[in-house]
Amino acid sequence: HLPQERVMMALTLTLVKGVCEQAPRLLRKLFHTALQYINPAR
């Protein structure tokens, strides 16, 4: 029932947060990976 683009972005960030809470050392690279995934044109 929600806009799927927003759900997809929230899901992406939820996965990033879940992984990085378990393995904080992955945050920096995963942040940039997620930024590239969310905003590929830039």
All heavy atoms as atom14 arrays in JSON, in Angstrom:
{
  "sequence": "HLPQERVMMALTLTLVKGVCEQAPRLLRKLFHTALQYINPAR",
  "atom14_mask": [
    [1, 1, 1, 1, 1, 1, 1, 1, 1, 1, 0, 0, 0, 0],
    [1, 1, 1, 1, 1, 1, 1, 1, 0, 0, 0, 0, 0, 0],
    [1, 1, 1, 1, 1, 1, 1, 0, 0, 0, 0, 0, 0, 0],
    [1, 1, 1, 1, 1, 1, 1, 1, 1, 0, 0, 0, 0, 0],
    [1, 1, 1, 1, 1, 1, 1, 1, 1, 0, 0, 0, 0, 0],
    [1, 1, 1, 1, 1, 1, 1, 1, 1, 1, 1, 0, 0, 0],
    [1, 1, 1, 1, 1, 1, 1, 0, 0, 0, 0, 0, 0, 0],
    [1, 1, 1, 1, 1, 1, 1, 1, 0, 0, 0, 0, 0, 0],
    [1, 1, 1, 1, 1, 1, 1, 1, 0, 0, 0, 0, 0, 0],
    [1, 1, 1, 1, 1, 0, 0, 0, 0, 0, 0, 0, 0, 0],
    [1, 1, 1, 1, 1, 1, 1, 1, 0, 0, 0, 0, 0, 0],
    [1, 1, 1, 1, 1, 1, 1, 0, 0, 0, 0, 0, 0, 0],
    [1, 1, 1, 1, 1, 1, 1, 1, 0, 0, 0, 0, 0, 0],
    [1, 1, 1, 1, 1, 1, 1, 0, 0, 0, 0, 0, 0, 0],
    [1, 1, 1, 1, 1, 1, 1, 1, 0, 0, 0, 0, 0, 0],
    [1, 1, 1, 1, 1, 1, 1, 0, 0, 0, 0, 0, 0, 0],
    [1, 1, 1, 1, 1, 1, 1, 1, 1, 0, 0, 0, 0, 0],
    [1, 1, 1, 1, 0, 0, 0, 0, 0, 0, 0, 0, 0, 0],
    [1, 1, 1, 1, 1, 1, 1, 0, 0, 0, 0, 0, 0, 0],
    [1, 1, 1, 1, 1, 1, 0, 0, 0, 0, 0, 0, 0, 0],
    [1, 1, 1, 1, 1, 1, 1, 1, 1, 0, 0, 0, 0, 0],
    [1, 1, 1, 1, 1, 1, 1, 1, 1, 0, 0, 0, 0, 0],
    [1, 1, 1, 1, 1, 0, 0, 0, 0, 0, 0, 0, 0, 0],
    [1, 1, 1, 1, 1, 1, 1, 0, 0, 0, 0, 0, 0, 0],
    [1, 1, 1, 1, 1, 1, 1, 1, 1, 1, 1, 0, 0, 0],
    [1, 1, 1, 1, 1, 1, 1, 1, 0, 0, 0, 0, 0, 0],
    [1, 1, 1, 1, 1, 1, 1, 1, 0, 0, 0, 0, 0, 0],
    [1, 1, 1, 1, 1, 1, 1, 1, 1, 1, 1, 0, 0, 0],
    [1, 1, 1, 1, 1, 1, 1, 1, 1, 0, 0, 0, 0, 0],
    [1, 1, 1, 1, 1, 1, 1, 1, 0, 0, 0, 0, 0, 0],
    [1, 1, 1, 1, 1, 1, 1, 1, 1, 1, 1, 0, 0, 0],
    [1, 1, 1, 1, 1, 1, 1, 1, 1, 1, 0, 0, 0, 0],
    [1, 1, 1, 1, 1, 1, 1, 0, 0, 0, 0, 0, 0, 0],
    [1, 1, 1, 1, 1, 0, 0, 0, 0, 0, 0, 0, 0, 0],
    [1, 1, 1, 1, 1, 1, 1, 1, 0, 0, 0, 0, 0, 0],
    [1, 1, 1, 1, 1, 1, 1, 1, 1, 0, 0, 0, 0, 0],
    [1, 1, 1, 1, 1, 1, 1, 1, 1, 1, 1, 1, 0, 0],
    [1, 1, 1, 1, 1, 1, 1, 1, 0, 0, 0, 0, 0, 0],
    [1, 1, 1, 1, 1, 1, 1, 1, 0, 0, 0, 0, 0, 0],
    [1, 1, 1, 1, 1, 1, 1, 0, 0, 0, 0, 0, 0, 0],
    [1, 1, 1, 1, 1, 0, 0, 0, 0, 0, 0, 0, 0, 0],
    [1, 1, 1, 1, 1, 1, 1, 1, 1, 1, 1, 0, 0, 0]
  ],
  "atom14_positions": [
    [[0.81, -1.22, 0.0], [0.0, 0.0, 0.0], [0.85, 1.28, 0.0], [0.31, 2.36, -0.21], [-0.96, 0.0, 1.2], [-0.24, 0.01, 2.52], [0.39, -1.11, 3.04], [-0.06, 1.01, 3.42], [0.93, -0.79, 4.2], [0.67, 0.48, 4.46], [0.0, 0.0, 0.0], [0.0, 0.0, 0.0], [0.0, 0.0, 0.0], [0.0, 0.0, 0.0]],
    [[2.15, 1.15, 0.22], [3.04, 2.3, 0.25], [3.78, 2.45, -1.08], [3.93, 1.47, -1.82], [4.06, 2.13, 1.38], [3.5, 2.1, 2.79], [4.59, 1.76, 3.8], [2.86, 3.43, 3.14], [0.0, 0.0, 0.0], [0.0, 0.0, 0.0], [0.0, 0.0, 0.0], [0.0, 0.0, 0.0], [0.0, 0.0, 0.0], [0.0, 0.0, 0.0]],
    [[4.28, 3.66, -1.38], [5.07, 3.84, -2.61], [6.29, 2.9, -2.59], [7.09, 2.94, -1.65], [5.5, 5.3, -2.55], [4.55, 5.97, -1.6], [4.12, 4.91, -0.63], [0.0, 0.0, 0.0], [0.0, 0.0, 0.0], [0.0, 0.0, 0.0], [0.0, 0.0, 0.0], [0.0, 0.0, 0.0], [0.0, 0.0, 0.0], [0.0, 0.0, 0.0]],
    [[6.39, 2.06, -3.6], [7.4, 1.01, -3.6], [8.83, 1.54, -3.67], [9.75, 0.91, -3.15], [7.13, 0.01, -4.73], [5.87, -0.8, -4.5], [5.89, -1.53, -3.16], [6.62, -2.5, -2.99], [5.09, -1.08, -2.2], [0.0, 0.0, 0.0], [0.0, 0.0, 0.0], [0.0, 0.0, 0.0], [0.0, 0.0, 0.0], [0.0, 0.0, 0.0]],
    [[9.03, 2.7, -4.27], [10.37, 3.29, -4.29], [10.84, 3.6, -2.87], [11.99, 3.36, -2.51], [10.37, 4.56, -5.15], [11.74, 5.2, -5.27], [11.71, 6.41, -6.17], [11.51, 6.24, -7.39], [11.9, 7.53, -5.64], [0.0, 0.0, 0.0], [0.0, 0.0, 0.0], [0.0, 0.0, 0.0], [0.0, 0.0, 0.0], [0.0, 0.0, 0.0]],
    [[9.94, 4.12, -2.05], [10.29, 4.42, -0.66], [10.5, 3.15, 0.15], [11.38, 3.08, 0.99], [9.21, 5.29, -0.01], [9.24, 6.7, -0.53], [8.25, 7.56, 0.18], [8.25, 8.86, -0.46], [7.92, 9.97, 0.16], [7.54, 9.92, 1.42], [7.94, 11.11, -0.47], [0.0, 0.0, 0.0], [0.0, 0.0, 0.0], [0.0, 0.0, 0.0]],
    [[9.66, 2.16, -0.09], [9.82, 0.88, 0.6], [11.17, 0.28, 0.25], [11.89, -0.21, 1.12], [8.67, -0.1, 0.24], [8.94, -1.49, 0.79], [7.34, 0.43, 0.75], [0.0, 0.0, 0.0], [0.0, 0.0, 0.0], [0.0, 0.0, 0.0], [0.0, 0.0, 0.0], [0.0, 0.0, 0.0], [0.0, 0.0, 0.0], [0.0, 0.0, 0.0]],
    [[11.54, 0.36, -1.03], [12.81, -0.18, -1.48], [13.99, 0.55, -0.82], [14.96, -0.08, -0.4], [12.89, -0.07, -3.0], [13.83, -1.0, -3.65], [13.55, -0.79, -5.42], [14.05, -2.35, -5.98], [0.0, 0.0, 0.0], [0.0, 0.0, 0.0], [0.0, 0.0, 0.0], [0.0, 0.0, 0.0], [0.0, 0.0, 0.0], [0.0, 0.0, 0.0]],
    [[13.9, 1.86, -0.71], [14.96, 2.63, -0.07], [15.03, 2.32, 1.43], [16.11, 2.13, 1.98], [14.76, 4.12, -0.29], [15.92, 4.95, 0.2], [15.83, 6.62, -0.43], [17.25, 7.35, 0.34], [0.0, 0.0, 0.0], [0.0, 0.0, 0.0], [0.0, 0.0, 0.0], [0.0, 0.0, 0.0], [0.0, 0.0, 0.0], [0.0, 0.0, 0.0]],
    [[13.87, 2.25, 2.08], [13.84, 1.91, 3.51], [14.4, 0.51, 3.73], [15.15, 0.27, 4.68], [12.43, 2.02, 4.06], [0.0, 0.0, 0.0], [0.0, 0.0, 0.0], [0.0, 0.0, 0.0], [0.0, 0.0, 0.0], [0.0, 0.0, 0.0], [0.0, 0.0, 0.0], [0.0, 0.0, 0.0], [0.0, 0.0, 0.0], [0.0, 0.0, 0.0]],
    [[14.05, -0.41, 2.86], [14.57, -1.78, 2.95], [16.08, -1.79, 2.78], [16.8, -2.43, 3.56], [13.9, -2.67, 1.91], [14.44, -4.1, 1.78], [14.29, -4.86, 3.1], [13.73, -4.83, 0.64], [0.0, 0.0, 0.0], [0.0, 0.0, 0.0], [0.0, 0.0, 0.0], [0.0, 0.0, 0.0], [0.0, 0.0, 0.0], [0.0, 0.0, 0.0]],
    [[16.57, -1.06, 1.8], [18.02, -0.98, 1.56], [18.73, -0.47, 2.81], [19.71, -1.06, 3.26], [18.31, -0.06, 0.36], [17.67, -0.59, -0.8], [19.8, 0.08, 0.12], [0.0, 0.0, 0.0], [0.0, 0.0, 0.0], [0.0, 0.0, 0.0], [0.0, 0.0, 0.0], [0.0, 0.0, 0.0], [0.0, 0.0, 0.0], [0.0, 0.0, 0.0]],
    [[18.24, 0.62, 3.36], [18.88, 1.21, 4.53], [18.73, 0.32, 5.77], [19.62, 0.27, 6.62], [18.33, 2.62, 4.79], [18.64, 3.63, 3.68], [17.99, 4.96, 3.97], [20.14, 3.78, 3.49], [0.0, 0.0, 0.0], [0.0, 0.0, 0.0], [0.0, 0.0, 0.0], [0.0, 0.0, 0.0], [0.0, 0.0, 0.0], [0.0, 0.0, 0.0]],
    [[17.62, -0.4, 5.86], [17.43, -1.34, 6.96], [18.45, -2.47, 6.88], [19.03, -2.88, 7.9], [15.99, -1.9, 6.94], [15.08, -0.81, 7.09], [15.77, -2.92, 8.05], [0.0, 0.0, 0.0], [0.0, 0.0, 0.0], [0.0, 0.0, 0.0], [0.0, 0.0, 0.0], [0.0, 0.0, 0.0], [0.0, 0.0, 0.0], [0.0, 0.0, 0.0]],
    [[18.69, -2.96, 5.68], [19.7, -4.01, 5.5], [21.09, -3.49, 5.84], [21.86, -4.17, 6.54], [19.68, -4.56, 4.07], [18.41, -5.3, 3.64], [18.5, -5.71, 2.18], [18.14, -6.49, 4.53], [0.0, 0.0, 0.0], [0.0, 0.0, 0.0], [0.0, 0.0, 0.0], [0.0, 0.0, 0.0], [0.0, 0.0, 0.0], [0.0, 0.0, 0.0]],
    [[21.41, -2.29, 5.37], [22.72, -1.69, 5.66], [22.89, -1.53, 7.17], [23.92, -1.92, 7.74], [22.87, -0.32, 4.95], [24.08, 0.44, 5.48], [22.98, -0.52, 3.44], [0.0, 0.0, 0.0], [0.0, 0.0, 0.0], [0.0, 0.0, 0.0], [0.0, 0.0, 0.0], [0.0, 0.0, 0.0], [0.0, 0.0, 0.0], [0.0, 0.0, 0.0]],
    [[21.87, -1.0, 7.83], [21.95, -0.79, 9.28], [22.08, -2.13, 10.01], [22.9, -2.26, 10.92], [20.73, -0.02, 9.77], [20.81, 0.34, 11.24], [19.67, 1.27, 11.63], [19.84, 1.71, 13.08], [18.85, 2.72, 13.44], [0.0, 0.0, 0.0], [0.0, 0.0, 0.0], [0.0, 0.0, 0.0], [0.0, 0.0, 0.0], [0.0, 0.0, 0.0]],
    [[21.29, -3.12, 9.6], [21.35, -4.43, 10.25], [22.72, -5.07, 10.13], [23.25, -5.61, 11.11], [0.0, 0.0, 0.0], [0.0, 0.0, 0.0], [0.0, 0.0, 0.0], [0.0, 0.0, 0.0], [0.0, 0.0, 0.0], [0.0, 0.0, 0.0], [0.0, 0.0, 0.0], [0.0, 0.0, 0.0], [0.0, 0.0, 0.0], [0.0, 0.0, 0.0]],
    [[23.3, -5.01, 8.95], [24.64, -5.57, 8.74], [25.67, -4.82, 9.57], [26.51, -5.42, 10.24], [25.02, -5.55, 7.24], [26.51, -5.83, 7.04], [24.18, -6.55, 6.46], [0.0, 0.0, 0.0], [0.0, 0.0, 0.0], [0.0, 0.0, 0.0], [0.0, 0.0, 0.0], [0.0, 0.0, 0.0], [0.0, 0.0, 0.0], [0.0, 0.0, 0.0]],
    [[25.6, -3.49, 9.53], [26.63, -2.68, 10.2], [26.5, -2.68, 11.72], [27.49, -2.49, 12.41], [26.62, -1.27, 9.64], [27.14, -1.24, 7.92], [0.0, 0.0, 0.0], [0.0, 0.0, 0.0], [0.0, 0.0, 0.0], [0.0, 0.0, 0.0], [0.0, 0.0, 0.0], [0.0, 0.0, 0.0], [0.0, 0.0, 0.0], [0.0, 0.0, 0.0]],
    [[25.31, -2.91, 12.24], [25.18, -3.07, 13.69], [25.88, -4.34, 14.13], [26.45, -4.39, 15.22], [23.72, -3.1, 14.1], [23.07, -1.73, 14.09], [21.59, -1.77, 14.46], [20.93, -2.8, 14.27], [21.1, -0.73, 14.93], [0.0, 0.0, 0.0], [0.0, 0.0, 0.0], [0.0, 0.0, 0.0], [0.0, 0.0, 0.0], [0.0, 0.0, 0.0]],
    [[25.86, -5.36, 13.29], [26.53, -6.62, 13.61], [28.02, -6.56, 13.31], [28.82, -7.22, 13.99], [25.91, -7.77, 12.8], [24.47, -8.03, 13.12], [23.85, -9.02, 12.13], [24.54, -9.73, 11.42], [22.53, -9.05, 12.09], [0.0, 0.0, 0.0], [0.0, 0.0, 0.0], [0.0, 0.0, 0.0], [0.0, 0.0, 0.0], [0.0, 0.0, 0.0]],
    [[28.39, -5.83, 12.27], [29.79, -5.74, 11.84], [30.12, -4.28, 11.49], [30.17, -3.91, 10.31], [30.03, -6.66, 10.63], [0.0, 0.0, 0.0], [0.0, 0.0, 0.0], [0.0, 0.0, 0.0], [0.0, 0.0, 0.0], [0.0, 0.0, 0.0], [0.0, 0.0, 0.0], [0.0, 0.0, 0.0], [0.0, 0.0, 0.0], [0.0, 0.0, 0.0]],
    [[30.32, -3.43, 12.5], [30.53, -2.0, 12.27], [31.68, -1.68, 11.32], [31.65, -0.66, 10.63], [30.81, -1.45, 13.67], [30.18, -2.42, 14.6], [30.31, -3.76, 13.93], [0.0, 0.0, 0.0], [0.0, 0.0, 0.0], [0.0, 0.0, 0.0], [0.0, 0.0, 0.0], [0.0, 0.0, 0.0], [0.0, 0.0, 0.0], [0.0, 0.0, 0.0]],
    [[32.66, -2.54, 11.23], [33.8, -2.28, 10.36], [33.4, -2.2, 8.89], [34.14, -1.68, 8.06], [34.88, -3.33, 10.57], [34.5, -4.69, 10.03], [35.49, -5.8, 10.38], [35.2, -7.04, 9.72], [34.17, -7.82, 9.96], [33.29, -7.48, 10.89], [33.99, -8.94, 9.3], [0.0, 0.0, 0.0], [0.0, 0.0, 0.0], [0.0, 0.0, 0.0]],
    [[32.23, -2.72, 8.55], [31.76, -2.71, 7.16], [31.05, -1.41, 6.79], [30.74, -1.19, 5.62], [30.81, -3.89, 6.91], [31.36, -5.29, 7.16], [30.26, -6.33, 6.92], [32.56, -5.57, 6.29], [0.0, 0.0, 0.0], [0.0, 0.0, 0.0], [0.0, 0.0, 0.0], [0.0, 0.0, 0.0], [0.0, 0.0, 0.0], [0.0, 0.0, 0.0]],
    [[30.79, -0.54, 7.77], [29.95, 0.63, 7.54], [30.46, 1.53, 6.42], [29.7, 1.89, 5.53], [29.81, 1.46, 8.83], [29.01, 2.76, 8.68], [27.57, 2.48, 8.29], [29.07, 3.57, 9.95], [0.0, 0.0, 0.0], [0.0, 0.0, 0.0], [0.0, 0.0, 0.0], [0.0, 0.0, 0.0], [0.0, 0.0, 0.0], [0.0, 0.0, 0.0]],
    [[31.69, 1.92, 6.47], [32.21, 2.91, 5.52], [32.02, 2.45, 4.06], [31.45, 3.16, 3.24], [33.68, 3.17, 5.82], [34.28, 4.32, 5.07], [35.65, 4.63, 5.64], [35.62, 4.89, 7.06], [35.32, 6.07, 7.61], [35.03, 7.08, 6.85], [35.3, 6.22, 8.92], [0.0, 0.0, 0.0], [0.0, 0.0, 0.0], [0.0, 0.0, 0.0]],
    [[32.47, 1.24, 3.77], [32.35, 0.73, 2.4], [30.89, 0.46, 2.03], [30.47, 0.73, 0.9], [33.18, -0.54, 2.22], [34.66, -0.29, 2.16], [35.41, -1.59, 1.91], [36.9, -1.36, 1.95], [37.64, -2.63, 1.83], [0.0, 0.0, 0.0], [0.0, 0.0, 0.0], [0.0, 0.0, 0.0], [0.0, 0.0, 0.0], [0.0, 0.0, 0.0]],
    [[30.12, -0.06, 2.97], [28.73, -0.37, 2.67], [27.91, 0.91, 2.51], [26.99, 0.96, 1.69], [28.13, -1.28, 3.75], [26.75, -1.86, 3.45], [26.69, -2.54, 2.08], [26.35, -2.83, 4.55], [0.0, 0.0, 0.0], [0.0, 0.0, 0.0], [0.0, 0.0, 0.0], [0.0, 0.0, 0.0], [0.0, 0.0, 0.0], [0.0, 0.0, 0.0]],
    [[28.24, 1.96, 3.25], [27.56, 3.25, 3.08], [27.74, 3.74, 1.65], [26.78, 4.13, 0.99], [28.13, 4.28, 4.08], [27.48, 5.63, 3.98], [26.36, 5.92, 4.74], [27.99, 6.61, 3.16], [25.75, 7.17, 4.66], [27.39, 7.86, 3.07], [26.27, 8.14, 3.83], [0.0, 0.0, 0.0], [0.0, 0.0, 0.0], [0.0, 0.0, 0.0]],
    [[28.97, 3.72, 1.16], [29.25, 4.18, -0.2], [28.6, 3.26, -1.24], [28.11, 3.74, -2.27], [30.76, 4.3, -0.43], [31.35, 5.47, 0.3], [31.12, 6.77, -0.06], [32.14, 5.52, 1.39], [31.75, 7.59, 0.77], [32.37, 6.85, 1.66], [0.0, 0.0, 0.0], [0.0, 0.0, 0.0], [0.0, 0.0, 0.0], [0.0, 0.0, 0.0]],
    [[28.57, 1.97, -0.96], [27.9, 1.03, -1.86], [26.41, 1.33, -1.93], [25.82, 1.38, -3.02], [28.12, -0.42, -1.37], [29.53, -0.69, -1.4], [27.39, -1.42, -2.25], [0.0, 0.0, 0.0], [0.0, 0.0, 0.0], [0.0, 0.0, 0.0], [0.0, 0.0, 0.0], [0.0, 0.0, 0.0], [0.0, 0.0, 0.0], [0.0, 0.0, 0.0]],
    [[25.79, 1.55, -0.77], [24.36, 1.85, -0.73], [24.06, 3.19, -1.39], [23.06, 3.33, -2.1], [23.85, 1.84, 0.71], [0.0, 0.0, 0.0], [0.0, 0.0, 0.0], [0.0, 0.0, 0.0], [0.0, 0.0, 0.0], [0.0, 0.0, 0.0], [0.0, 0.0, 0.0], [0.0, 0.0, 0.0], [0.0, 0.0, 0.0], [0.0, 0.0, 0.0]],
    [[24.93, 4.17, -1.19], [24.75, 5.47, -1.84], [24.8, 5.3, -3.35], [23.98, 5.88, -4.08], [25.83, 6.45, -1.36], [25.72, 7.88, -1.88], [24.41, 8.51, -1.44], [26.9, 8.7, -1.38], [0.0, 0.0, 0.0], [0.0, 0.0, 0.0], [0.0, 0.0, 0.0], [0.0, 0.0, 0.0], [0.0, 0.0, 0.0], [0.0, 0.0, 0.0]],
    [[25.7, 4.49, -3.83], [25.81, 4.21, -5.26], [24.56, 3.48, -5.75], [24.04, 3.76, -6.83], [27.06, 3.38, -5.53], [27.35, 3.13, -6.98], [28.59, 2.29, -7.17], [28.9, 1.44, -6.33], [29.27, 2.5, -8.27], [0.0, 0.0, 0.0], [0.0, 0.0, 0.0], [0.0, 0.0, 0.0], [0.0, 0.0, 0.0], [0.0, 0.0, 0.0]],
    [[24.06, 2.55, -4.96], [22.85, 1.79, -5.32], [21.62, 2.69, -5.37], [20.83, 2.64, -6.3], [22.65, 0.65, -4.32], [21.36, -0.13, -4.52], [21.21, -0.99, -5.59], [20.31, 0.01, -3.63], [20.03, -1.71, -5.77], [19.13, -0.7, -3.8], [19.0, -1.56, -4.87], [17.83, -2.24, -5.06], [0.0, 0.0, 0.0], [0.0, 0.0, 0.0]],
    [[21.48, 3.55, -4.36], [20.32, 4.43, -4.25], [20.37, 5.56, -5.28], [19.35, 5.96, -5.81], [20.22, 5.01, -2.82], [19.8, 3.9, -1.86], [19.27, 6.18, -2.75], [19.93, 4.27, -0.4], [0.0, 0.0, 0.0], [0.0, 0.0, 0.0], [0.0, 0.0, 0.0], [0.0, 0.0, 0.0], [0.0, 0.0, 0.0], [0.0, 0.0, 0.0]],
    [[21.54, 6.05, -5.54], [21.7, 7.22, -6.39], [22.69, 6.92, -7.52], [23.72, 7.58, -7.62], [22.2, 8.37, -5.51], [21.89, 9.72, -6.06], [21.26, 9.85, -7.1], [22.34, 10.75, -5.36], [0.0, 0.0, 0.0], [0.0, 0.0, 0.0], [0.0, 0.0, 0.0], [0.0, 0.0, 0.0], [0.0, 0.0, 0.0], [0.0, 0.0, 0.0]],
    [[22.42, 5.93, -8.4], [23.4, 5.48, -9.38], [23.79, 6.53, -10.41], [24.93, 6.54, -10.89], [22.72, 4.29, -10.06], [21.27, 4.5, -9.86], [21.15, 5.24, -8.55], [0.0, 0.0, 0.0], [0.0, 0.0, 0.0], [0.0, 0.0, 0.0], [0.0, 0.0, 0.0], [0.0, 0.0, 0.0], [0.0, 0.0, 0.0], [0.0, 0.0, 0.0]],
    [[22.91, 7.46, -10.75], [23.22, 8.45, -11.75], [24.32, 9.4, -11.29], [25.06, 9.95, -12.09], [21.97, 9.25, -12.1], [0.0, 0.0, 0.0], [0.0, 0.0, 0.0], [0.0, 0.0, 0.0], [0.0, 0.0, 0.0], [0.0, 0.0, 0.0], [0.0, 0.0, 0.0], [0.0, 0.0, 0.0], [0.0, 0.0, 0.0], [0.0, 0.0, 0.0]],
    [[24.44, 9.57, -9.98], [25.44, 10.5, -9.45], [26.69, 9.8, -8.93], [27.61, 10.44, -8.48], [24.83, 11.34, -8.33], [23.64, 12.14, -8.79], [23.31, 13.17, -7.75], [22.02, 13.77, -7.93], [21.75, 14.72, -8.8], [22.68, 15.14, -9.6], [20.55, 15.25, -8.89], [0.0, 0.0, 0.0], [0.0, 0.0, 0.0], [0.0, 0.0, 0.0]]
  ]
}
